[in-house]
């Protein structure tokens, strides 16, 4: 049995993919009303409308039932809720249960990555000995449910676990590589959402393709700077979890972070733009975390700072672009 913690779009996609491969799958929701709706209708209309759930999928909101017969757990809870959810589940989770995180973000205040949050809750330390991997890369949920081809990375310091997750998820349309740089993979996953907000703002302002290309290029520089300073490997940021996910998130019309930014670029306030989506826009909260982490590491991130100024300090998006373009000339790094 594979247990999926969470009831969002990616959790639903994982449930369908694994059930199609013949695994027994259980999906745990933090909300009884959501679990009941999915059981009654056979669909997750809130987060992935129109998609039929596997008939054999077991759905529960009972923490005591979550891990029954489970041999692997997929954690698909938004970053800022991961700690609270796993605090509830901890008494029921078997020790040393292998966990694969598909969450992308950095926790506010603690500045911990998703795998570190899980370790902190389940072992008492963010550096605790927990068998955990991160599955990340360009993987828009609405494309995966259509079985369109996608390629991602399974990252863990435990290479055997990374391979186990690779085998678990690999299908004819979903290719999985392995990587031992979980730091680089999770930093990439978090920071690309901030750049995607900026990309959406450019789209909303109709700033053009030249501006978008420059944003992605310089955005990748910022991601790489922070990732290396945090202990990641440089090559990770030019791979699927870095450049690959960045491109998809910045161009896909289905990306929550880009769509949020586009609404802001068209004149909506951040609060109004957030109200337009049912899903969590991870890049908003993560902007605060990333900038604080960058400050601690002595890393310059002007694009992330510009997004923060627009989202949290009510700066006019046009002025934010002008400020970026007016920075002192320098050599490209």
Protein backbone atom coordinates (compact mmCIF):
# COMPACT_ATOMS: atom_id res chain seq x y z
CA UNK A 1 0.00 0.00 0.00
CA UNK A 2 1.21 3.50 -0.92
CA UNK A 3 -0.18 6.31 1.24
CA UNK A 4 -0.51 9.83 -0.12
CA UNK A 5 -0.75 12.65 2.41
CA UNK A 6 -2.67 15.56 0.94
CA UNK A 7 -5.64 16.09 -1.37
CA UNK A 8 -4.41 18.72 -3.84
CA UNK A 9 -3.78 18.42 -7.56
CA UNK A 10 -0.36 16.77 -7.27
CA UNK A 11 -1.61 14.34 -4.62
CA UNK A 12 -4.44 13.36 -6.95
CA UNK A 13 -2.07 12.94 -9.90
CA UNK A 14 0.21 10.71 -7.84
CA UNK A 15 -2.78 8.60 -6.75
CA UNK A 16 -3.84 8.05 -10.36
CA UNK A 17 -0.35 7.27 -11.63
CA UNK A 18 0.40 4.74 -8.89
CA UNK A 19 -3.04 3.11 -9.08
CA UNK A 20 -2.62 2.70 -12.85
CA UNK A 21 0.57 0.78 -12.12
CA UNK A 22 -1.38 -1.65 -9.96
CA UNK A 23 -0.34 -0.43 -6.51
CA UNK A 24 -2.79 -0.26 -3.67
CA UNK A 25 -3.17 3.47 -2.94
CA UNK A 26 -4.68 5.37 -0.02
CA UNK A 27 -5.17 9.14 -0.06
CA UNK A 28 -5.41 10.97 3.27
CA UNK A 29 -7.08 14.37 3.44
CA UNK A 30 -6.81 16.75 6.39
CA UNK A 31 -10.48 17.62 5.86
CA UNK A 32 -13.35 15.17 6.28
CA UNK A 33 -15.58 17.22 3.95
CA UNK A 34 -13.03 16.92 1.13
CA UNK A 35 -12.58 13.19 1.73
CA UNK A 36 -16.36 12.70 1.76
CA UNK A 37 -16.80 14.67 -1.48
CA UNK A 38 -14.17 12.55 -3.24
CA UNK A 39 -15.68 9.29 -1.98
CA UNK A 40 -19.19 10.30 -3.05
CA UNK A 41 -18.36 11.72 -6.49
CA UNK A 42 -15.23 9.80 -7.44
CA UNK A 43 -13.65 13.13 -8.37
CA UNK A 44 -11.56 15.88 -6.79
CA UNK A 45 -13.57 18.80 -8.13
CA UNK A 46 -11.91 21.37 -5.88
CA UNK A 47 -8.33 20.91 -7.04
CA UNK A 48 -8.48 18.83 -10.25
CA UNK A 49 -11.97 19.19 -11.72
CA UNK A 50 -13.21 16.76 -14.32
CA UNK A 51 -10.69 14.03 -13.52
CA UNK A 52 -12.06 10.65 -12.46
CA UNK A 53 -10.37 9.09 -9.45
CA UNK A 54 -9.25 5.44 -9.58
CA UNK A 55 -12.08 3.19 -8.42
CA UNK A 56 -9.76 1.24 -6.14
CA UNK A 57 -8.42 4.39 -4.42
CA UNK A 58 -9.03 4.36 -0.67
CA UNK A 59 -9.80 7.81 0.77
CA UNK A 60 -9.75 8.74 4.44
CA UNK A 61 -9.47 11.71 6.78
CA UNK A 62 -8.71 9.52 9.81
CA UNK A 63 -5.06 9.82 10.92
CA UNK A 64 -5.21 6.37 12.53
CA UNK A 65 -6.06 4.83 9.15
CA UNK A 66 -3.52 6.77 7.12
CA UNK A 67 -0.58 4.39 7.35
CA UNK A 68 -2.28 0.99 7.53
CA UNK A 69 -0.15 -1.53 5.56
CA UNK A 70 1.83 1.33 3.97
CA UNK A 71 5.32 0.62 2.63
CA UNK A 72 5.91 4.13 1.24
CA UNK A 73 4.39 7.55 1.92
CA UNK A 74 4.07 10.45 -0.52
CA UNK A 75 3.88 13.83 1.24
CA UNK A 76 1.96 16.29 -0.94
CA UNK A 77 1.10 19.03 1.57
CA UNK A 78 1.91 22.72 0.88
CA UNK A 79 5.07 23.80 2.68
CA UNK A 80 3.52 26.20 5.16
CA UNK A 81 1.07 23.48 6.32
CA UNK A 82 3.47 20.53 6.31
CA UNK A 83 4.51 20.87 9.96
CA UNK A 84 0.97 21.12 11.32
CA UNK A 85 -0.24 18.17 9.24
CA UNK A 86 2.65 15.93 10.20
CA UNK A 87 2.35 16.89 13.86
CA UNK A 88 -1.13 15.34 13.66
CA UNK A 89 0.12 12.27 11.85
CA UNK A 90 3.31 11.63 13.81
CA UNK A 91 1.72 9.37 16.47
CA UNK A 92 0.44 7.08 13.72
CA UNK A 93 3.45 7.04 11.36
CA UNK A 94 5.72 4.00 11.78
CA UNK A 95 9.33 4.80 12.58
CA UNK A 96 11.67 4.92 9.58
CA UNK A 97 8.79 4.93 7.11
CA UNK A 98 10.22 5.93 3.69
CA UNK A 99 8.75 9.27 2.60
CA UNK A 100 8.80 10.93 -0.81
CA UNK A 101 8.07 14.66 -0.74
CA UNK A 102 6.54 16.38 -3.77
CA UNK A 103 6.24 19.70 -1.92
CA UNK A 104 7.97 22.84 -3.21
CA UNK A 105 8.81 25.71 -0.87
CA UNK A 106 10.72 26.89 2.19
CA UNK A 107 9.07 27.18 5.59
CA UNK A 108 8.61 30.66 7.00
CA UNK A 109 10.57 31.46 10.19
CA UNK A 110 12.53 28.17 10.29
CA UNK A 111 13.75 28.45 6.64
CA UNK A 112 13.63 24.66 6.40
CA UNK A 113 13.17 22.75 3.16
CA UNK A 114 10.27 20.22 2.98
CA UNK A 115 12.48 17.20 3.67
CA UNK A 116 13.96 19.01 6.67
CA UNK A 117 10.49 19.84 8.05
CA UNK A 118 9.57 16.16 7.86
CA UNK A 119 12.79 15.17 9.62
CA UNK A 120 12.30 17.84 12.27
CA UNK A 121 8.77 16.64 13.08
CA UNK A 122 9.44 12.91 12.92
CA UNK A 123 12.94 12.73 14.43
CA UNK A 124 13.18 15.95 16.45
CA UNK A 125 15.90 17.44 14.24
CA UNK A 126 15.95 18.81 10.66
CA UNK A 127 19.16 16.81 10.20
CA UNK A 128 17.67 13.65 11.71
CA UNK A 129 18.10 10.26 10.13
CA UNK A 130 14.88 10.03 8.13
CA UNK A 131 14.56 8.06 4.87
CA UNK A 132 13.24 10.88 2.70
CA UNK A 133 13.44 11.81 -0.97
CA UNK A 134 12.24 14.75 -3.04
CA UNK A 135 10.47 14.21 -6.36
CA UNK A 136 10.72 17.41 -8.41
CA UNK A 137 10.95 18.80 -11.91
CA UNK A 138 8.67 20.13 -14.67
CA UNK A 139 5.42 18.37 -13.79
CA UNK A 140 2.25 20.42 -14.36
CA UNK A 141 -0.59 18.36 -12.89
CA UNK A 142 -3.10 19.08 -15.66
CA UNK A 143 -0.69 17.60 -18.21
CA UNK A 144 0.19 14.56 -16.13
CA UNK A 145 -3.45 13.51 -15.80
CA UNK A 146 -3.59 13.46 -19.61
CA UNK A 147 -0.49 11.23 -19.59
CA UNK A 148 1.52 13.74 -21.58
CA UNK A 149 5.27 13.04 -21.40
CA UNK A 150 7.17 14.49 -18.43
CA UNK A 151 10.58 13.94 -16.85
CA UNK A 152 11.51 14.62 -13.22
CA UNK A 153 14.17 13.87 -10.61
CA UNK A 154 14.10 11.67 -7.51
CA UNK A 155 16.62 13.16 -5.09
CA UNK A 156 17.90 11.77 -1.81
CA UNK A 157 21.18 11.46 0.08
CA UNK A 158 20.19 7.79 0.27
CA UNK A 159 20.81 6.65 -3.29
CA UNK A 160 18.92 3.38 -2.74
CA UNK A 161 15.82 5.32 -1.72
CA UNK A 162 16.14 7.61 -4.74
CA UNK A 163 16.20 4.52 -6.97
CA UNK A 164 13.24 3.00 -5.11
CA UNK A 165 11.17 6.13 -5.78
CA UNK A 166 12.37 6.14 -9.39
CA UNK A 167 11.07 2.60 -9.88
CA UNK A 168 7.84 3.39 -8.06
CA UNK A 169 6.89 6.30 -10.32
CA UNK A 170 8.44 5.43 -13.69
CA UNK A 171 5.94 4.87 -16.51
CA UNK A 172 5.97 5.09 -20.29
CA UNK A 173 5.04 8.79 -20.04
CA UNK A 174 6.72 9.72 -16.74
CA UNK A 175 10.50 9.34 -16.78
CA UNK A 176 12.40 9.66 -13.50
CA UNK A 177 16.12 10.32 -13.06
CA UNK A 178 17.95 10.02 -9.73
CA UNK A 179 20.06 12.63 -7.98
CA UNK A 180 21.81 12.70 -4.60
CA UNK A 181 21.67 16.51 -4.32
CA UNK A 182 18.42 16.92 -2.38
CA UNK A 183 19.50 20.39 -1.22
CA UNK A 184 19.90 21.70 -4.76
CA UNK A 185 16.69 20.04 -5.93
CA UNK A 186 14.58 21.49 -3.11
CA UNK A 187 16.13 24.96 -3.34
CA UNK A 188 15.38 24.97 -7.07
CA UNK A 189 11.81 23.86 -6.47
CA UNK A 190 11.21 26.66 -3.98
CA UNK A 191 12.88 29.58 -5.74
CA UNK A 192 11.55 28.91 -9.23
CA UNK A 193 8.07 29.74 -7.95
CA UNK A 194 9.22 33.27 -7.12
CA UNK A 195 10.64 33.76 -10.60
CA UNK A 196 7.37 32.40 -11.99
CA UNK A 197 5.44 35.13 -10.15
CA UNK A 198 7.74 37.67 -11.80
CA UNK A 199 7.15 36.00 -15.18
CA UNK A 200 3.41 36.27 -14.69
CA UNK A 201 3.71 39.96 -13.81
CA UNK A 202 5.59 40.50 -17.09
CA UNK A 203 2.83 38.64 -18.95
CA UNK A 204 0.18 40.76 -17.28
CA UNK A 205 2.03 43.91 -18.28
CA UNK A 206 2.64 42.57 -21.81
CA UNK A 207 6.33 43.29 -21.37
CA UNK A 208 7.30 41.01 -24.24
CA UNK A 209 9.40 37.95 -24.98
CA UNK A 210 12.75 39.70 -24.62
CA UNK A 211 11.89 40.60 -21.04
CA UNK A 212 10.70 37.05 -20.30
CA UNK A 213 13.91 35.54 -21.68
CA UNK A 214 16.03 37.90 -19.61
CA UNK A 215 13.98 37.13 -16.52
CA UNK A 216 14.42 33.36 -16.85
CA UNK A 217 18.14 33.72 -17.50
CA UNK A 218 18.84 36.07 -14.61
CA UNK A 219 16.35 34.22 -12.43
CA UNK A 220 18.35 31.03 -12.90
CA UNK A 221 21.47 32.95 -11.81
CA UNK A 222 19.72 33.89 -8.56
CA UNK A 223 18.51 30.33 -7.98
CA UNK A 224 22.00 28.97 -8.56
CA UNK A 225 23.67 31.53 -6.29
CA UNK A 226 21.39 30.67 -3.39
CA UNK A 227 21.49 26.94 -4.02
CA UNK A 228 25.28 26.76 -4.04
CA UNK A 229 25.48 28.93 -0.92
CA UNK A 230 23.05 26.54 0.80
CA UNK A 231 25.17 23.51 -0.12
CA UNK A 232 23.73 22.41 -3.47
CA UNK A 233 25.77 21.35 -6.50
CA UNK A 234 26.06 23.76 -9.42
CA UNK A 235 25.08 21.20 -12.05
CA UNK A 236 21.72 20.55 -10.37
CA UNK A 237 20.50 24.02 -11.29
CA UNK A 238 21.00 23.50 -15.02
CA UNK A 239 19.10 20.20 -14.87
CA UNK A 240 15.46 19.16 -14.70
CA UNK A 241 14.84 20.35 -11.14
CA UNK A 242 16.45 23.71 -11.89
CA UNK A 243 16.19 25.05 -15.44
CA UNK A 244 13.59 22.49 -16.49
CA UNK A 245 11.11 23.30 -13.76
CA UNK A 246 11.81 27.01 -14.07
CA UNK A 247 10.91 27.07 -17.76
CA UNK A 248 7.69 25.11 -17.31
CA UNK A 249 6.53 27.16 -14.34
CA UNK A 250 7.22 30.45 -16.11
CA UNK A 251 5.48 29.61 -19.40
CA UNK A 252 2.60 27.27 -18.55
CA UNK A 253 -0.84 28.91 -18.50
CA UNK A 254 -1.77 26.37 -15.80
CA UNK A 255 1.00 27.31 -13.34
CA UNK A 256 -0.49 28.81 -10.15
CA UNK A 257 2.46 31.11 -9.45
CA UNK A 258 2.66 32.50 -12.98
CA UNK A 259 -1.13 32.97 -13.10
CA UNK A 260 -1.06 34.80 -9.77
CA UNK A 261 1.66 37.13 -11.09
CA UNK A 262 -0.27 37.72 -14.30
CA UNK A 263 -3.32 38.83 -12.35
CA UNK A 264 -1.17 41.26 -10.36
CA UNK A 265 0.42 42.55 -13.59
CA UNK A 266 -3.06 43.24 -14.95
CA UNK A 267 -3.92 45.37 -11.95
CA UNK A 268 -5.28 43.05 -9.26
CA UNK A 269 -3.99 43.43 -5.74
CA UNK A 270 -2.11 40.41 -4.37
CA UNK A 271 -5.07 39.61 -2.10
CA UNK A 272 -7.46 39.75 -5.03
CA UNK A 273 -5.18 37.53 -7.12
CA UNK A 274 -4.91 34.97 -4.33
CA UNK A 275 -8.69 34.90 -3.97
CA UNK A 276 -8.99 33.85 -7.62
CA UNK A 277 -7.41 30.43 -7.03
CA UNK A 278 -8.49 27.44 -4.96
CA UNK A 279 -4.92 26.22 -4.66
CA UNK A 280 -2.03 27.46 -2.53
CA UNK A 281 0.33 29.80 -4.40
CA UNK A 282 3.55 28.53 -2.81
CA UNK A 283 5.76 31.28 -4.21
CA UNK A 284 4.06 34.02 -2.20
CA UNK A 285 5.05 32.83 1.27
CA UNK A 286 8.30 31.40 -0.05
CA UNK A 287 9.39 34.84 -1.25
CA UNK A 288 9.76 35.92 2.37
CA UNK A 289 11.64 32.76 3.33
CA UNK A 290 14.01 32.89 0.37
CA UNK A 291 14.95 36.51 0.93
CA UNK A 292 15.71 35.84 4.59
CA UNK A 293 17.77 32.78 3.64
CA UNK A 294 19.59 34.85 1.00
CA UNK A 295 20.33 37.52 3.59
CA UNK A 296 21.77 34.92 5.95
CA UNK A 297 23.91 33.45 3.17
CA UNK A 298 25.04 36.85 1.84
CA UNK A 299 23.43 36.22 -1.57
CA UNK A 300 22.06 39.00 -3.79
CA UNK A 301 18.61 38.25 -5.29
CA UNK A 302 17.25 41.41 -6.96
CA UNK A 303 14.41 39.67 -8.81
CA UNK A 304 13.16 37.99 -5.66
CA UNK A 305 13.40 41.34 -3.89
CA UNK A 306 11.37 42.99 -6.64
CA UNK A 307 8.64 40.35 -6.30
CA UNK A 308 8.62 40.92 -2.55
CA UNK A 309 8.27 44.66 -3.08
CA UNK A 310 5.25 44.19 -5.33
CA UNK A 311 3.51 41.47 -3.31
CA UNK A 312 4.20 42.64 0.24
CA UNK A 313 4.99 46.35 -0.04
CA UNK A 314 2.42 47.35 -2.66
CA UNK A 315 5.02 48.64 -5.11
CA UNK A 316 3.71 49.31 -8.60
CA UNK A 317 4.86 46.48 -10.91
CA UNK A 318 6.02 48.94 -13.57
CA UNK A 319 8.18 50.69 -10.99
CA UNK A 320 9.63 47.35 -9.88
CA UNK A 321 10.72 46.66 -13.47
CA UNK A 322 12.17 50.14 -13.81
CA UNK A 323 14.15 49.63 -10.59
CA UNK A 324 15.57 46.35 -11.91
CA UNK A 325 16.48 47.88 -15.26
CA UNK A 326 18.08 50.89 -13.56
CA UNK A 327 20.49 48.92 -11.40
CA UNK A 328 24.18 49.88 -11.89
CA UNK A 329 25.80 48.32 -14.99
CA UNK A 330 27.99 45.25 -14.34
CA UNK A 331 29.59 42.28 -16.06
CA UNK A 332 27.35 39.26 -16.58
CA UNK A 333 27.96 36.53 -13.99
